[in-house]
N, C-alpha and C. Protein backbone atom coordinates (compact mmCIF):
# COMPACT_ATOMS: atom_id res chain seq x y z
N MET A 1 84.03 148.04 107.54
CA MET A 1 83.73 146.66 107.23
C MET A 1 83.75 145.84 108.52
N THR A 2 82.80 144.96 108.65
CA THR A 2 82.66 144.13 109.84
C THR A 2 83.96 143.38 110.13
N ALA A 3 84.23 143.17 111.43
CA ALA A 3 85.41 142.42 111.85
C ALA A 3 84.97 141.33 112.83
N TYR A 4 85.73 140.24 112.84
CA TYR A 4 85.40 139.10 113.67
C TYR A 4 86.60 138.71 114.51
N LEU A 5 86.37 138.57 115.80
CA LEU A 5 87.37 138.04 116.71
C LEU A 5 87.00 136.58 116.93
N ILE A 6 87.93 135.68 116.63
CA ILE A 6 87.68 134.25 116.71
C ILE A 6 88.66 133.65 117.71
N ALA A 7 88.13 132.90 118.67
CA ALA A 7 88.97 132.32 119.71
C ALA A 7 88.67 130.84 119.87
N ASP A 8 89.73 130.07 120.04
CA ASP A 8 89.65 128.66 120.41
C ASP A 8 90.15 128.60 121.85
N VAL A 9 89.27 128.25 122.77
CA VAL A 9 89.56 128.37 124.20
C VAL A 9 89.46 127.01 124.87
N GLU A 10 90.57 126.57 125.46
CA GLU A 10 90.57 125.35 126.27
C GLU A 10 90.57 125.76 127.73
N ILE A 11 89.48 125.48 128.42
CA ILE A 11 89.31 125.90 129.81
C ILE A 11 90.07 124.95 130.73
N ARG A 12 90.93 125.52 131.58
CA ARG A 12 91.70 124.73 132.54
C ARG A 12 91.26 125.00 133.98
N ASP A 13 90.63 126.17 134.22
CA ASP A 13 90.18 126.57 135.55
C ASP A 13 88.79 127.18 135.39
N ALA A 14 87.76 126.35 135.60
CA ALA A 14 86.38 126.78 135.34
C ALA A 14 85.95 127.92 136.25
N GLU A 15 86.41 127.93 137.48
CA GLU A 15 85.99 128.97 138.42
C GLU A 15 86.50 130.35 137.98
N THR A 16 87.77 130.43 137.66
CA THR A 16 88.34 131.71 137.22
C THR A 16 87.75 132.11 135.87
N PHE A 17 87.57 131.15 134.98
CA PHE A 17 86.97 131.46 133.69
C PHE A 17 85.54 131.95 133.86
N GLY A 18 84.82 131.43 134.84
CA GLY A 18 83.47 131.88 135.13
C GLY A 18 83.43 133.36 135.49
N LYS A 19 84.42 133.83 136.26
CA LYS A 19 84.51 135.26 136.58
C LYS A 19 84.70 136.08 135.31
N TYR A 20 85.55 135.60 134.44
CA TYR A 20 85.80 136.27 133.16
C TYR A 20 84.52 136.33 132.34
N GLN A 21 83.81 135.22 132.24
CA GLN A 21 82.58 135.16 131.46
C GLN A 21 81.54 136.16 131.97
N GLN A 22 81.45 136.29 133.28
CA GLN A 22 80.47 137.21 133.86
C GLN A 22 80.79 138.66 133.53
N ALA A 23 82.06 138.99 133.37
CA ALA A 23 82.46 140.37 133.17
C ALA A 23 82.63 140.76 131.71
N VAL A 24 83.01 139.84 130.85
CA VAL A 24 83.44 140.20 129.50
C VAL A 24 82.30 140.65 128.58
N GLY A 25 81.11 140.12 128.75
CA GLY A 25 80.01 140.47 127.86
C GLY A 25 79.72 141.96 127.82
N GLU A 26 79.73 142.59 128.97
CA GLU A 26 79.48 144.03 129.05
C GLU A 26 80.58 144.82 128.34
N VAL A 27 81.82 144.36 128.48
CA VAL A 27 82.94 145.05 127.83
C VAL A 27 82.83 144.91 126.31
N ILE A 28 82.49 143.73 125.85
CA ILE A 28 82.30 143.50 124.41
C ILE A 28 81.21 144.44 123.87
N ALA A 29 80.08 144.45 124.54
CA ALA A 29 78.95 145.27 124.09
C ALA A 29 79.28 146.75 124.08
N SER A 30 80.07 147.19 125.05
CA SER A 30 80.42 148.62 125.14
C SER A 30 81.28 149.07 123.96
N HIS A 31 81.82 148.12 123.22
CA HIS A 31 82.63 148.44 122.03
C HIS A 31 81.93 148.03 120.75
N GLY A 32 80.62 147.84 120.84
CA GLY A 32 79.83 147.54 119.65
C GLY A 32 79.86 146.09 119.22
N GLY A 33 80.41 145.22 120.07
CA GLY A 33 80.53 143.81 119.72
C GLY A 33 79.37 142.98 120.20
N ARG A 34 79.26 141.80 119.62
CA ARG A 34 78.24 140.84 120.05
C ARG A 34 78.72 139.43 119.75
N TYR A 35 78.22 138.49 120.55
CA TYR A 35 78.55 137.08 120.33
C TYR A 35 77.77 136.55 119.13
N LEU A 36 78.45 135.83 118.27
CA LEU A 36 77.80 135.03 117.23
C LEU A 36 77.87 133.55 117.59
N VAL A 37 78.98 133.16 118.21
CA VAL A 37 79.19 131.79 118.67
C VAL A 37 79.81 131.87 120.05
N ARG A 38 79.30 131.08 120.97
CA ARG A 38 79.84 131.06 122.34
C ARG A 38 79.81 129.62 122.84
N GLY A 39 80.80 128.85 122.42
CA GLY A 39 80.83 127.45 122.78
C GLY A 39 79.90 126.67 121.88
N GLY A 40 79.25 125.68 122.41
CA GLY A 40 78.34 124.88 121.61
C GLY A 40 79.08 123.76 120.90
N GLU A 41 78.31 122.85 120.37
CA GLU A 41 78.88 121.70 119.68
C GLU A 41 79.50 122.12 118.35
N SER A 42 80.64 121.53 118.05
CA SER A 42 81.26 121.77 116.75
C SER A 42 81.63 120.42 116.12
N GLN A 43 81.71 120.42 114.82
CA GLN A 43 82.06 119.21 114.08
C GLN A 43 83.22 119.53 113.15
N VAL A 44 84.27 118.73 113.23
CA VAL A 44 85.40 118.90 112.32
C VAL A 44 85.02 118.24 111.00
N LEU A 45 85.07 119.02 109.95
CA LEU A 45 84.70 118.51 108.63
C LEU A 45 85.91 118.17 107.78
N GLU A 46 87.05 118.80 108.09
CA GLU A 46 88.26 118.56 107.32
C GLU A 46 89.45 119.02 108.13
N GLY A 47 90.57 118.34 108.01
CA GLY A 47 91.79 118.75 108.69
C GLY A 47 91.86 118.21 110.11
N ASP A 48 92.89 118.68 110.84
CA ASP A 48 93.14 118.14 112.17
C ASP A 48 92.89 119.14 113.30
N TRP A 49 92.24 120.25 113.00
CA TRP A 49 91.93 121.24 114.03
C TRP A 49 90.78 120.70 114.88
N ARG A 50 90.99 120.66 116.19
CA ARG A 50 89.99 120.18 117.14
C ARG A 50 89.74 121.28 118.17
N PRO A 51 88.93 122.29 117.83
CA PRO A 51 88.72 123.37 118.78
C PRO A 51 88.05 122.87 120.06
N ALA A 52 88.51 123.38 121.18
CA ALA A 52 87.94 123.00 122.47
C ALA A 52 86.62 123.73 122.69
N ARG A 53 86.66 125.06 122.65
CA ARG A 53 85.48 125.91 122.80
C ARG A 53 85.67 127.07 121.84
N LEU A 54 84.83 127.13 120.84
CA LEU A 54 84.97 128.15 119.81
C LEU A 54 84.07 129.34 120.13
N VAL A 55 84.67 130.53 120.04
CA VAL A 55 83.94 131.78 120.29
C VAL A 55 84.16 132.69 119.08
N VAL A 56 83.07 133.28 118.58
CA VAL A 56 83.15 134.23 117.49
C VAL A 56 82.42 135.49 117.92
N LEU A 57 83.14 136.61 117.90
CA LEU A 57 82.56 137.92 118.21
C LEU A 57 82.50 138.74 116.94
N GLU A 58 81.44 139.49 116.77
CA GLU A 58 81.30 140.39 115.63
C GLU A 58 81.38 141.83 116.11
N PHE A 59 82.18 142.64 115.42
CA PHE A 59 82.31 144.07 115.70
C PHE A 59 82.01 144.84 114.42
N PRO A 60 81.59 146.10 114.55
CA PRO A 60 81.28 146.89 113.35
C PRO A 60 82.46 147.01 112.38
N ASP A 61 83.69 147.03 112.92
CA ASP A 61 84.88 147.17 112.09
C ASP A 61 86.12 146.84 112.93
N LEU A 62 87.28 146.84 112.28
CA LEU A 62 88.53 146.52 112.98
C LEU A 62 88.83 147.52 114.09
N GLU A 63 88.46 148.78 113.88
CA GLU A 63 88.73 149.79 114.90
C GLU A 63 88.00 149.48 116.20
N HIS A 64 86.72 149.09 116.09
CA HIS A 64 85.96 148.74 117.30
C HIS A 64 86.53 147.49 117.97
N ALA A 65 86.91 146.51 117.17
CA ALA A 65 87.48 145.28 117.72
C ALA A 65 88.80 145.56 118.44
N ASN A 66 89.65 146.36 117.82
CA ASN A 66 90.92 146.71 118.46
C ASN A 66 90.72 147.57 119.70
N ALA A 67 89.73 148.45 119.64
CA ALA A 67 89.43 149.28 120.82
C ALA A 67 89.00 148.40 121.99
N PHE A 68 88.20 147.36 121.72
CA PHE A 68 87.83 146.40 122.76
C PHE A 68 89.08 145.72 123.32
N TRP A 69 89.91 145.16 122.43
CA TRP A 69 91.07 144.37 122.85
C TRP A 69 92.06 145.21 123.65
N GLN A 70 92.18 146.48 123.33
CA GLN A 70 93.17 147.35 123.97
C GLN A 70 92.56 148.22 125.08
N SER A 71 91.30 148.04 125.39
CA SER A 71 90.62 148.90 126.36
C SER A 71 91.09 148.65 127.79
N GLU A 72 90.97 149.66 128.60
CA GLU A 72 91.28 149.54 130.03
C GLU A 72 90.36 148.54 130.70
N ASP A 73 89.08 148.53 130.30
CA ASP A 73 88.13 147.59 130.91
C ASP A 73 88.51 146.14 130.61
N TYR A 74 88.96 145.87 129.39
CA TYR A 74 89.36 144.50 129.07
C TYR A 74 90.68 144.15 129.76
N ALA A 75 91.56 145.12 129.87
CA ALA A 75 92.84 144.88 130.56
C ALA A 75 92.62 144.43 132.00
N LYS A 76 91.53 144.88 132.62
CA LYS A 76 91.23 144.52 134.01
C LYS A 76 90.85 143.05 134.16
N ILE A 77 90.37 142.42 133.08
CA ILE A 77 89.88 141.04 133.20
C ILE A 77 90.62 140.03 132.32
N ILE A 78 91.46 140.48 131.42
CA ILE A 78 92.08 139.56 130.47
C ILE A 78 92.93 138.49 131.17
N ASP A 79 93.55 138.84 132.29
CA ASP A 79 94.38 137.85 132.99
C ASP A 79 93.54 136.70 133.53
N TRP A 80 92.27 136.93 133.83
CA TRP A 80 91.40 135.82 134.26
C TRP A 80 91.32 134.78 133.15
N ARG A 81 91.14 135.25 131.90
CA ARG A 81 91.08 134.29 130.79
C ARG A 81 92.43 133.65 130.56
N ARG A 82 93.47 134.45 130.57
CA ARG A 82 94.81 133.91 130.32
C ARG A 82 95.24 132.92 131.39
N ASP A 83 94.89 133.19 132.64
CA ASP A 83 95.24 132.28 133.73
C ASP A 83 94.41 131.00 133.72
N ALA A 84 93.19 131.07 133.19
CA ALA A 84 92.24 129.96 133.27
C ALA A 84 92.17 129.11 132.01
N THR A 85 92.81 129.56 130.95
CA THR A 85 92.65 128.86 129.67
C THR A 85 93.96 128.79 128.90
N VAL A 86 93.95 127.96 127.89
CA VAL A 86 94.93 128.02 126.82
C VAL A 86 94.12 128.48 125.62
N SER A 87 94.47 129.64 125.06
CA SER A 87 93.64 130.24 124.02
C SER A 87 94.45 130.58 122.78
N LYS A 88 93.78 130.51 121.67
CA LYS A 88 94.29 131.00 120.39
C LYS A 88 93.25 132.01 119.92
N VAL A 89 93.69 133.23 119.60
CA VAL A 89 92.76 134.30 119.25
C VAL A 89 93.25 135.00 117.98
N VAL A 90 92.34 135.19 117.03
CA VAL A 90 92.66 135.93 115.82
C VAL A 90 91.57 136.97 115.58
N LEU A 91 91.96 138.03 114.87
CA LEU A 91 91.04 139.07 114.45
C LEU A 91 91.09 139.10 112.93
N VAL A 92 89.92 139.06 112.30
CA VAL A 92 89.87 139.02 110.84
C VAL A 92 88.80 140.00 110.35
N GLU A 93 89.13 140.68 109.26
CA GLU A 93 88.17 141.58 108.65
C GLU A 93 87.18 140.77 107.83
N GLY A 94 85.91 141.18 107.88
CA GLY A 94 84.88 140.53 107.11
C GLY A 94 85.02 140.78 105.62
N PHE A 95 84.13 140.20 104.86
CA PHE A 95 84.16 140.27 103.41
C PHE A 95 82.90 140.96 102.91
N THR A 96 83.06 141.90 102.02
CA THR A 96 81.93 142.51 101.35
C THR A 96 82.08 142.23 99.86
N PRO A 97 81.14 141.49 99.30
CA PRO A 97 81.25 141.17 97.88
C PRO A 97 81.19 142.44 97.03
N PRO A 98 81.89 142.46 95.91
CA PRO A 98 81.82 143.62 95.03
C PRO A 98 80.40 143.79 94.48
N SER A 99 80.05 145.03 94.27
CA SER A 99 78.69 145.30 93.74
C SER A 99 78.63 145.06 92.25
């Protein structure tokens, strides 16, 4: 079942985050992932959540998403994001309606 990694990212160091952005796409793709949302305008419709920069990644399943998150390639660059941003990240399994 499809899985989604959702991140709310507040960029504090654009230069370091730029290095992360240049490297992370290839790592995501190598684990079967793809961007569905990468920043862009957002509108709060209800509640008090004010995401800074919303990112949504789609993976074939939780195993692929976890393999990305725990991979050696991602470990090499994750500190760039952590050092350059304040982030909230969740992984959620998709929904398949009953037949």
